[in-house]
Amino acid sequence: MFGILISALMSMLGFLLRSVLVKFVTFFALWFVVTEFVTVLQGAAILPSASSLNAAFIGLPSGVWFFMDLFAFSFGIPLVIAASVSRFIIRRIPVIG
């Protein structure tokens, strides 16, 4: 009776150690590498800064700003830029790209 329970427990523990833990460590390492690459790229002034983006949007007329606010441009563009940079960096990792 207890042999069946111990066998089931060992198979569940083996599944956790072989698949879940290994995947967690792998994806955490990839996340850490990507976040560190982004900070290095920001420090090297390769990515555009907020001041350069503000200077680019200063000359837009009020009608354009209305539609940009309507479509939540201020929320969407940082998301798109962050996703593009993350995709670019992840594609450069030899194991994934």
PDB file of N, CA and C in Angstrom:
ATOM      1  N   MET A   1       0.824  -1.191   0.000  1.00  0.00           N
ATOM      2  CA  MET A   1       0.000   0.000   0.000  1.00  0.00           C
ATOM      3  C   MET A   1       0.869   1.256   0.000  1.00  0.00           C
ATOM      4  N   PHE A   2       1.824   1.301   0.929  1.00  0.00           N
ATOM      5  CA  PHE A   2       2.678   2.477   1.017  1.00  0.00           C
ATOM      6  C   PHE A   2       3.662   2.538  -0.152  1.00  0.00           C
ATOM      7  N   GLY A   3       3.958   1.399  -0.740  1.00  0.00           N
ATOM      8  CA  GLY A   3       4.851   1.370  -1.897  1.00  0.00           C
ATOM      9  C   GLY A   3       4.257   2.123  -3.081  1.00  0.00           C
ATOM     10  N   ILE A   4       2.938   2.006  -3.250  1.00  0.00           N
ATOM     11  CA  ILE A   4       2.267   2.723  -4.341  1.00  0.00           C
ATOM     12  C   ILE A   4       2.302   4.227  -4.086  1.00  0.00           C
ATOM     13  N   LEU A   5       2.052   4.629  -2.849  1.00  0.00           N
ATOM     14  CA  LEU A   5       2.080   6.059  -2.513  1.00  0.00           C
ATOM     15  C   LEU A   5       3.487   6.645  -2.656  1.00  0.00           C
ATOM     16  N   ILE A   6       4.480   5.905  -2.212  1.00  0.00           N
ATOM     17  CA  ILE A   6       5.859   6.379  -2.333  1.00  0.00           C
ATOM     18  C   ILE A   6       6.263   6.453  -3.800  1.00  0.00           C
ATOM     19  N   SER A   7       5.829   5.486  -4.600  1.00  0.00           N
ATOM     20  CA  SER A   7       6.127   5.510  -6.027  1.00  0.00           C
ATOM     21  C   SER A   7       5.477   6.715  -6.705  1.00  0.00           C
ATOM     22  N   ALA A   8       4.222   7.013  -6.362  1.00  0.00           N
ATOM     23  CA  ALA A   8       3.533   8.176  -6.924  1.00  0.00           C
ATOM     24  C   ALA A   8       4.210   9.472  -6.487  1.00  0.00           C
ATOM     25  N   LEU A   9       4.618   9.537  -5.223  1.00  0.00           N
ATOM     26  CA  LEU A   9       5.300  10.718  -4.712  1.00  0.00           C
ATOM     27  C   LEU A   9       6.646  10.919  -5.404  1.00  0.00           C
ATOM     28  N   MET A  10       7.386   9.848  -5.603  1.00  0.00           N
ATOM     29  CA  MET A  10       8.677   9.946  -6.268  1.00  0.00           C
ATOM     30  C   MET A  10       8.524  10.346  -7.737  1.00  0.00           C
ATOM     31  N   SER A  11       7.496   9.864  -8.403  1.00  0.00           N
ATOM     32  CA  SER A  11       7.290  10.256  -9.798  1.00  0.00           C
ATOM     33  C   SER A  11       6.885  11.729  -9.893  1.00  0.00           C
ATOM     34  N   MET A  12       6.078  12.214  -8.957  1.00  0.00           N
ATOM     35  CA  MET A  12       5.731  13.638  -8.950  1.00  0.00           C
ATOM     36  C   MET A  12       6.951  14.497  -8.635  1.00  0.00           C
ATOM     37  N   LEU A  13       7.762  14.065  -7.697  1.00  0.00           N
ATOM     38  CA  LEU A  13       8.978  14.809  -7.355  1.00  0.00           C
ATOM     39  C   LEU A  13       9.961  14.795  -8.512  1.00  0.00           C
ATOM     40  N   GLY A  14      10.070  13.692  -9.186  1.00  0.00           N
ATOM     41  CA  GLY A  14      10.940  13.615 -10.359  1.00  0.00           C
ATOM     42  C   GLY A  14      10.470  14.529 -11.477  1.00  0.00           C
ATOM     43  N   PHE A  15       9.146  14.594 -11.685  1.00  0.00           N
ATOM     44  CA  PHE A  15       8.599  15.504 -12.691  1.00  0.00           C
ATOM     45  C   PHE A  15       8.917  16.951 -12.336  1.00  0.00           C
ATOM     46  N   LEU A  16       8.750  17.301 -11.066  1.00  0.00           N
ATOM     47  CA  LEU A  16       9.033  18.676 -10.641  1.00  0.00           C
ATOM     48  C   LEU A  16      10.504  19.023 -10.824  1.00  0.00           C
ATOM     49  N   LEU A  17      11.383  18.122 -10.467  1.00  0.00           N
ATOM     50  CA  LEU A  17      12.804  18.413 -10.557  1.00  0.00           C
ATOM     51  C   LEU A  17      13.303  18.400 -11.994  1.00  0.00           C
ATOM     52  N   ARG A  18      12.778  17.498 -12.827  1.00  0.00           N
ATOM     53  CA  ARG A  18      13.274  17.390 -14.187  1.00  0.00           C
ATOM     54  C   ARG A  18      12.710  18.448 -15.111  1.00  0.00           C
ATOM     55  N   SER A  19      11.462  18.792 -14.975  1.00  0.00           N
ATOM     56  CA  SER A  19      10.887  19.705 -15.965  1.00  0.00           C
ATOM     57  C   SER A  19      10.607  21.092 -15.402  1.00  0.00           C
ATOM     58  N   VAL A  20       9.908  21.186 -14.311  1.00  0.00           N
ATOM     59  CA  VAL A  20       9.487  22.483 -13.800  1.00  0.00           C
ATOM     60  C   VAL A  20      10.685  23.297 -13.300  1.00  0.00           C
ATOM     61  N   LEU A  21      11.517  22.712 -12.515  1.00  0.00           N
ATOM     62  CA  LEU A  21      12.649  23.429 -11.948  1.00  0.00           C
ATOM     63  C   LEU A  21      13.664  23.817 -13.028  1.00  0.00           C
ATOM     64  N   VAL A  22      13.922  22.926 -13.952  1.00  0.00           N
ATOM     65  CA  VAL A  22      14.883  23.218 -15.023  1.00  0.00           C
ATOM     66  C   VAL A  22      14.352  24.342 -15.913  1.00  0.00           C
ATOM     67  N   LYS A  23      13.065  24.305 -16.252  1.00  0.00           N
ATOM     68  CA  LYS A  23      12.481  25.368 -17.070  1.00  0.00           C
ATOM     69  C   LYS A  23      12.492  26.695 -16.323  1.00  0.00           C
ATOM     70  N   PHE A  24      12.201  26.667 -15.027  1.00  0.00           N
ATOM     71  CA  PHE A  24      12.220  27.902 -14.250  1.00  0.00           C
ATOM     72  C   PHE A  24      13.613  28.517 -14.241  1.00  0.00           C
ATOM     73  N   VAL A  25      14.619  27.723 -14.000  1.00  0.00           N
ATOM     74  CA  VAL A  25      15.986  28.234 -13.966  1.00  0.00           C
ATOM     75  C   VAL A  25      16.404  28.754 -15.345  1.00  0.00           C
ATOM     76  N   THR A  26      16.054  28.042 -16.398  1.00  0.00           N
ATOM     77  CA  THR A  26      16.407  28.466 -17.752  1.00  0.00           C
ATOM     78  C   THR A  26      15.738  29.785 -18.117  1.00  0.00           C
ATOM     79  N   PHE A  27      14.448  29.899 -17.881  1.00  0.00           N
ATOM     80  CA  PHE A  27      13.748  31.118 -18.246  1.00  0.00           C
ATOM     81  C   PHE A  27      14.124  32.285 -17.344  1.00  0.00           C
ATOM     82  N   PHE A  28      14.441  32.016 -16.081  1.00  0.00           N
ATOM     83  CA  PHE A  28      14.915  33.093 -15.218  1.00  0.00           C
ATOM     84  C   PHE A  28      16.261  33.605 -15.710  1.00  0.00           C
ATOM     85  N   ALA A  29      17.133  32.713 -16.127  1.00  0.00           N
ATOM     86  CA  ALA A  29      18.433  33.141 -16.653  1.00  0.00           C
ATOM     87  C   ALA A  29      18.253  33.954 -17.930  1.00  0.00           C
ATOM     88  N   LEU A  30      17.354  33.540 -18.815  1.00  0.00           N
ATOM     89  CA  LEU A  30      17.099  34.300 -20.038  1.00  0.00           C
ATOM     90  C   LEU A  30      16.522  35.672 -19.716  1.00  0.00           C
ATOM     91  N   TRP A  31      15.595  35.737 -18.773  1.00  0.00           N
ATOM     92  CA  TRP A  31      15.014  37.027 -18.371  1.00  0.00           C
ATOM     93  C   TRP A  31      16.095  37.935 -17.804  1.00  0.00           C
ATOM     94  N   PHE A  32      16.953  37.386 -16.982  1.00  0.00           N
ATOM     95  CA  PHE A  32      18.006  38.184 -16.367  1.00  0.00           C
ATOM     96  C   PHE A  32      18.976  38.711 -17.418  1.00  0.00           C
ATOM     97  N   VAL A  33      19.350  37.875 -18.375  1.00  0.00           N
ATOM     98  CA  VAL A  33      20.264  38.298 -19.434  1.00  0.00           C
ATOM     99  C   VAL A  33      19.625  39.403 -20.275  1.00  0.00           C
ATOM    100  N   VAL A  34      18.351  39.251 -20.622  1.00  0.00           N
ATOM    101  CA  VAL A  34      17.669  40.254 -21.434  1.00  0.00           C
ATOM    102  C   VAL A  34      17.574  41.582 -20.694  1.00  0.00           C
ATOM    103  N   THR A  35      17.226  41.569 -19.414  1.00  0.00           N
ATOM    104  CA  THR A  35      17.127  42.824 -18.669  1.00  0.00           C
ATOM    105  C   THR A  35      18.491  43.486 -18.528  1.00  0.00           C
ATOM    106  N   GLU A  36      19.535  42.712 -18.361  1.00  0.00           N
ATOM    107  CA  GLU A  36      20.867  43.311 -18.272  1.00  0.00           C
ATOM    108  C   GLU A  36      21.317  43.874 -19.613  1.00  0.00           C
ATOM    109  N   PHE A  37      20.979  43.211 -20.728  1.00  0.00           N
ATOM    110  CA  PHE A  37      21.313  43.748 -22.046  1.00  0.00           C
ATOM    111  C   PHE A  37      20.616  45.080 -22.289  1.00  0.00           C
ATOM    112  N   VAL A  38      19.377  45.190 -21.851  1.00  0.00           N
ATOM    113  CA  VAL A  38      18.637  46.442 -22.042  1.00  0.00           C
ATOM    114  C   VAL A  38      19.287  47.566 -21.256  1.00  0.00           C
ATOM    115  N   THR A  39      19.710  47.307 -20.031  1.00  0.00           N
ATOM    116  CA  THR A  39      20.367  48.363 -19.256  1.00  0.00           C
ATOM    117  C   THR A  39      21.710  48.745 -19.883  1.00  0.00           C
ATOM    118  N   VAL A  40      22.418  47.780 -20.438  1.00  0.00           N
ATOM    119  CA  VAL A  40      23.689  48.094 -21.117  1.00  0.00           C
ATOM    120  C   VAL A  40      23.430  48.938 -22.355  1.00  0.00           C
ATOM    121  N   LEU A  41      22.396  48.592 -23.133  1.00  0.00           N
ATOM    122  CA  LEU A  41      22.067  49.365 -24.323  1.00  0.00           C
ATOM    123  C   LEU A  41      21.612  50.775 -23.974  1.00  0.00           C
ATOM    124  N   GLN A  42      20.881  50.926 -22.881  1.00  0.00           N
ATOM    125  CA  GLN A  42      20.460  52.259 -22.466  1.00  0.00           C
ATOM    126  C   GLN A  42      21.654  53.075 -22.005  1.00  0.00           C
ATOM    127  N   GLY A  43      22.586  52.458 -21.339  1.00  0.00           N
ATOM    128  CA  GLY A  43      23.773  53.163 -20.884  1.00  0.00           C
ATOM    129  C   GLY A  43      24.689  53.555 -22.026  1.00  0.00           C
ATOM    130  N   ALA A  44      24.685  52.797 -23.092  1.00  0.00           N
ATOM    131  CA  ALA A  44      25.549  53.087 -24.240  1.00  0.00           C
ATOM    132  C   ALA A  44      24.913  54.097 -25.188  1.00  0.00           C
ATOM    133  N   ALA A  45      23.752  54.603 -24.853  1.00  0.00           N
ATOM    134  CA  ALA A  45      23.023  55.609 -25.650  1.00  0.00           C
ATOM    135  C   ALA A  45      22.683  55.087 -27.039  1.00  0.00           C
ATOM    136  N   ILE A  46      22.424  53.804 -27.165  1.00  0.00           N
ATOM    137  CA  ILE A  46      22.001  53.233 -28.439  1.00  0.00           C
ATOM    138  C   ILE A  46      20.492  53.400 -28.603  1.00  0.00           C
ATOM    139  N   LEU A  47      19.771  53.243 -27.511  1.00  0.00           N
ATOM    140  CA  LEU A  47      18.324  53.398 -27.548  1.00  0.00           C
ATOM    141  C   LEU A  47      17.961  54.870 -27.419  1.00  0.00           C
ATOM    142  N   PRO A  48      16.853  55.296 -28.022  1.00  0.00           N
ATOM    143  CA  PRO A  48      16.471  56.705 -27.900  1.00  0.00           C
ATOM    144  C   PRO A  48      16.038  57.028 -26.469  1.00  0.00           C
ATOM    145  N   SER A  49      16.348  58.231 -26.050  1.00  0.00           N
ATOM    146  CA  SER A  49      15.961  58.652 -24.704  1.00  0.00           C
ATOM    147  C   SER A  49      14.622  59.375 -24.767  1.00  0.00           C
ATOM    148  N   ALA A  50      14.068  59.648 -23.610  1.00  0.00           N
ATOM    149  CA  ALA A  50      12.771  60.314 -23.538  1.00  0.00           C
ATOM    150  C   ALA A  50      12.860  61.750 -24.056  1.00  0.00           C
ATOM    151  N   SER A  51      13.987  62.407 -23.845  1.00  0.00           N
ATOM    152  CA  SER A  51      14.100  63.790 -24.304  1.00  0.00           C
ATOM    153  C   SER A  51      14.095  63.882 -25.827  1.00  0.00           C
ATOM    154  N   SER A  52      14.709  62.909 -26.502  1.00  0.00           N
ATOM    155  CA  SER A  52      14.683  62.939 -27.970  1.00  0.00           C
ATOM    156  C   SER A  52      13.288  62.638 -28.507  1.00  0.00           C
ATOM    157  N   LEU A  53      12.551  61.768 -27.824  1.00  0.00           N
ATOM    158  CA  LEU A  53      11.174  61.502 -28.248  1.00  0.00           C
ATOM    159  C   LEU A  53      10.285  62.705 -27.995  1.00  0.00           C
ATOM    160  N   ASN A  54      10.482  63.404 -26.879  1.00  0.00           N
ATOM    161  CA  ASN A  54       9.706  64.611 -26.602  1.00  0.00           C
ATOM    162  C   ASN A  54       9.972  65.674 -27.657  1.00  0.00           C
ATOM    163  N   ALA A  55      11.208  65.825 -28.057  1.00  0.00           N
ATOM    164  CA  ALA A  55      11.554  66.811 -29.081  1.00  0.00           C
ATOM    165  C   ALA A  55      10.910  66.446 -30.418  1.00  0.00           C
ATOM    166  N   ALA A  56      10.745  65.171 -30.696  1.00  0.00           N
ATOM    167  CA  ALA A  56      10.134  64.747 -31.951  1.00  0.00           C
ATOM    168  C   ALA A  56       8.636  65.028 -31.967  1.00  0.00           C
ATOM    169  N   PHE A  57       7.979  64.977 -30.810  1.00  0.00           N
ATOM    170  CA  PHE A  57       6.528  65.162 -30.748  1.00  0.00           C
ATOM    171  C   PHE A  57       6.096  66.595 -30.468  1.00  0.00           C
ATOM    172  N   ILE A  58       7.033  67.492 -30.240  1.00  0.00           N
ATOM    173  CA  ILE A  58       6.686  68.882 -29.913  1.00  0.00           C
ATOM    174  C   ILE A  58       5.958  69.567 -31.067  1.00  0.00           C
ATOM    175  N   GLY A  59       6.340  69.290 -32.283  1.00  0.00           N
ATOM    176  CA  GLY A  59       5.789  70.000 -33.429  1.00  0.00           C
ATOM    177  C   GLY A  59       4.456  69.482 -33.943  1.00  0.00           C
ATOM    178  N   LEU A  60       3.840  68.530 -33.275  1.00  0.00           N
ATOM    179  CA  LEU A  60       2.564  67.981 -33.762  1.00  0.00           C
ATOM    180  C   LEU A  60       1.410  68.929 -33.452  1.00  0.00           C
ATOM    181  N   PRO A  61       0.478  69.090 -34.390  1.00  0.00           N
ATOM    182  CA  PRO A  61      -0.670  69.968 -34.130  1.00  0.00           C
ATOM    183  C   PRO A  61      -1.660  69.337 -33.152  1.00  0.00           C
ATOM    184  N   SER A  62      -2.596  70.153 -32.666  1.00  0.00           N
ATOM    185  CA  SER A  62      -3.533  69.684 -31.638  1.00  0.00           C
ATOM    186  C   SER A  62      -4.491  68.620 -32.163  1.00  0.00           C
ATOM    187  N   GLY A  63      -4.827  68.652 -33.444  1.00  0.00           N
ATOM    188  CA  GLY A  63      -5.710  67.635 -34.004  1.00  0.00           C
ATOM    189  C   GLY A  63      -5.074  66.252 -33.977  1.00  0.00           C
ATOM    190  N   VAL A  64      -3.784  66.212 -34.227  1.00  0.00           N
ATOM    191  CA  VAL A  64      -3.066  64.938 -34.174  1.00  0.00           C
ATOM    192  C   VAL A  64      -2.994  64.448 -32.733  1.00  0.00           C
ATOM    193  N   TRP A  65      -2.760  65.370 -31.793  1.00  0.00           N
ATOM    194  CA  TRP A  65      -2.714  64.992 -30.376  1.00  0.00           C
ATOM    195  C   TRP A  65      -4.044  64.435 -29.893  1.00  0.00           C
ATOM    196  N   PHE A  66      -5.157  64.975 -30.422  1.00  0.00           N
ATOM    197  CA  PHE A  66      -6.468  64.466 -30.036  1.00  0.00           C
ATOM    198  C   PHE A  66      -6.595  62.986 -30.367  1.00  0.00           C
ATOM    199  N   PHE A  67      -6.220  62.630 -31.592  1.00  0.00           N
ATOM    200  CA  PHE A  67      -6.350  61.228 -31.991  1.00  0.00           C
ATOM    201  C   PHE A  67      -5.298  60.345 -31.319  1.00  0.00           C
ATOM    202  N   MET A  68      -4.156  60.914 -31.031  1.00  0.00           N
ATOM    203  CA  MET A  68      -3.149  60.130 -30.304  1.00  0.00           C
ATOM    204  C   MET A  68      -3.623  59.830 -28.887  1.00  0.00           C
ATOM    205  N   ASP A  69      -4.267  60.784 -28.246  1.00  0.00           N
ATOM    206  CA  ASP A  69      -4.845  60.535 -26.920  1.00  0.00           C
ATOM    207  C   ASP A  69      -6.017  59.575 -26.997  1.00  0.00           C
ATOM    208  N   LEU A  70      -6.797  59.683 -28.053  1.00  0.00           N
ATOM    209  CA  LEU A  70      -7.955  58.812 -28.234  1.00  0.00           C
ATOM    210  C   LEU A  70      -7.527  57.345 -28.357  1.00  0.00           C
ATOM    211  N   PHE A  71      -6.422  57.112 -29.055  1.00  0.00           N
ATOM    212  CA  PHE A  71      -5.935  55.753 -29.252  1.00  0.00           C
ATOM    213  C   PHE A  71      -4.908  55.322 -28.210  1.00  0.00           C
ATOM    214  N   ALA A  72      -4.746  56.103 -27.137  1.00  0.00           N
ATOM    215  CA  ALA A  72      -3.824  55.801 -26.033  1.00  0.00           C
ATOM    216  C   ALA A  72      -2.403  55.595 -26.546  1.00  0.00           C
ATOM    217  N   PHE A  73      -1.977  56.523 -27.365  1.00  0.00           N
ATOM    218  CA  PHE A  73      -0.646  56.481 -27.956  1.00  0.00           C
ATOM    219  C   PHE A  73       0.442  56.529 -26.894  1.00  0.00           C
ATOM    220  N   SER A  74       0.213  57.292 -25.836  1.00  0.00           N
ATOM    221  CA  SER A  74       1.222  57.427 -24.779  1.00  0.00           C
ATOM    222  C   SER A  74       1.423  56.125 -24.011  1.00  0.00           C
ATOM    223  N   PHE A  75       0.449  55.251 -24.032  1.00  0.00           N
ATOM    224  CA  PHE A  75       0.588  53.944 -23.394  1.00  0.00           C
ATOM    225  C   PHE A  75       1.122  52.899 -24.368  1.00  0.00           C
ATOM    226  N   GLY A  76       0.713  52.990 -25.624  1.00  0.00           N
ATOM    227  CA  GLY A  76       1.037  51.953 -26.600  1.00  0.00           C
ATOM    228  C   GLY A  76       2.447  52.013 -27.150  1.00  0.00           C
ATOM    229  N   ILE A  77       2.958  53.209 -27.403  1.00  0.00           N
ATOM    230  CA  ILE A  77       4.287  53.320 -28.005  1.00  0.00           C
ATOM    231  C   ILE A  77       5.393  52.793 -27.087  1.00  0.00           C
ATOM    232  N   PRO A  78       5.396  53.099 -25.780  1.00  0.00           N
ATOM    233  CA  PRO A  78       6.427  52.469 -24.939  1.00  0.00           C
ATOM    234  C   PRO A  78       6.326  50.947 -24.917  1.00  0.00           C
ATOM    235  N   LEU A  79       5.096  50.418 -24.996  1.00  0.00           N
ATOM    236  CA  LEU A  79       4.928  48.970 -25.061  1.00  0.00           C
ATOM    237  C   LEU A  79       5.527  48.400 -26.339  1.00  0.00           C
ATOM    238  N   VAL A  80       5.274  49.045 -27.453  1.00  0.00           N
ATOM    239  CA  VAL A  80       5.787  48.566 -28.738  1.00  0.00           C
ATOM    240  C   VAL A  80       7.314  48.660 -28.781  1.00  0.00           C
ATOM    241  N   ILE A  81       7.863  49.749 -28.270  1.00  0.00           N
ATOM    242  CA  ILE A  81       9.318  49.905 -28.261  1.00  0.00           C
ATOM    243  C   ILE A  81       9.963  48.847 -27.363  1.00  0.00           C
ATOM    244  N   ALA A  82       9.400  48.637 -26.174  1.00  0.00           N
ATOM    245  CA  ALA A  82       9.959  47.632 -25.268  1.00  0.00           C
ATOM    246  C   ALA A  82       9.859  46.233 -25.859  1.00  0.00           C
ATOM    247  N   ALA A  83       8.741  45.931 -26.509  1.00  0.00           N
ATOM    248  CA  ALA A  83       8.585  44.614 -27.128  1.00  0.00           C
ATOM    249  C   ALA A  83       9.557  44.429 -28.282  1.00  0.00           C
ATOM    250  N   SER A  84       9.773  45.477 -29.060  1.00  0.00           N
ATOM    251  CA  SER A  84      10.701  45.379 -30.184  1.00  0.00           C
ATOM    252  C   SER A  84      12.132  45.175 -29.713  1.00  0.00           C
ATOM    253  N   VAL A  85      12.521  45.902 -28.678  1.00  0.00           N
ATOM    254  CA  VAL A  85      13.874  45.753 -28.137  1.00  0.00           C
ATOM    255  C   VAL A  85      14.053  44.363 -27.535  1.00  0.00           C
ATOM    256  N   SER A  86      13.044  43.895 -26.793  1.00  0.00           N
ATOM    257  CA  SER A  86      13.133  42.555 -26.202  1.00  0.00           C
ATOM    258  C   SER A  86      13.218  41.487 -27.285  1.00  0.00           C
ATOM    259  N   ARG A  87      12.422  41.641 -28.338  1.00  0.00           N
ATOM    260  CA  ARG A  87      12.468  40.673 -29.437  1.00  0.00           C
ATOM    261  C   ARG A  87      13.837  40.686 -30.110  1.00  0.00           C
ATOM    262  N   PHE A  88      14.381  41.881 -30.319  1.00  0.00           N
ATOM    263  CA  PHE A  88      15.695  42.001 -30.942  1.00  0.00           C
ATOM    264  C   PHE A  88      16.761  41.307 -30.095  1.00  0.00           C
ATOM    265  N   ILE A  89      16.719  41.521 -28.779  1.00  0.00           N
ATOM    266  CA  ILE A  89      17.724  40.938 -27.899  1.00  0.00           C
ATOM    267  C   ILE A  89      17.547  39.430 -27.793  1.00  0.00           C
ATOM    268  N   ILE A  90      16.323  38.966 -27.694  1.00  0.00           N
ATOM    269  CA  ILE A  90      16.088  37.524 -27.572  1.00  0.00           C
ATOM    270  C   ILE A  90      16.522  36.800 -28.848  1.00  0.00           C
ATOM    271  N   ARG A  91      16.356  37.430 -29.989  1.00  0.00           N
ATOM    272  CA  ARG A  91      16.781  36.792 -31.243  1.00  0.00           C
ATOM    273  C   ARG A  91      18.294  36.693 -31.351  1.00  0.00           C
ATOM    274  N   ARG A  92      19.025  37.471 -30.569  1.00  0.00           N
ATOM    275  CA  ARG A  92      20.481  37.433 -30.606  1.00  0.00           C
ATOM    276  C   ARG A  92      21.066  36.398 -29.660  1.00  0.00           C
ATOM    277  N   ILE A  93      20.262  35.799 -28.813  1.00  0.00           N
ATOM    278  CA  ILE A  93      20.750  34.760 -27.904  1.00  0.00           C
ATOM    279  C   ILE A  93      20.948  33.481 -28.716  1.00  0.00           C
ATOM    280  N   PRO A  94      22.124  32.872 -28.669  1.00  0.00           N
ATOM    281  CA  PRO A  94      22.406  31.734 -29.545  1.00  0.00           C
ATOM    282  C   PRO A  94      21.497  30.525 -29.321  1.00  0.00           C
ATOM    283  N   VAL A  95      21.051  30.292 -28.112  1.00  0.00           N
ATOM    284  CA  VAL A  95      20.240  29.109 -27.836  1.00  0.00           C
ATOM    285  C   VAL A  95      18.853  29.247 -28.455  1.00  0.00           C
ATOM    286  N   ILE A  96      18.301  30.463 -28.463  1.00  0.00           N
ATOM    287  CA  ILE A  96      16.928  30.683 -28.933  1.00  0.00           C
ATOM    288  C   ILE A  96      16.889  31.112 -30.386  1.00  0.00           C
ATOM    289  N   GLY A  97      17.658  32.151 -30.732  1.00  0.00           N
ATOM    290  CA  GLY A  97      17.577  32.766 -32.058  1.00  0.00           C
ATOM    291  C   GLY A  97      18.043  31.870 -33.143  1.00  0.00           C
TER     292      GLY A  97
END
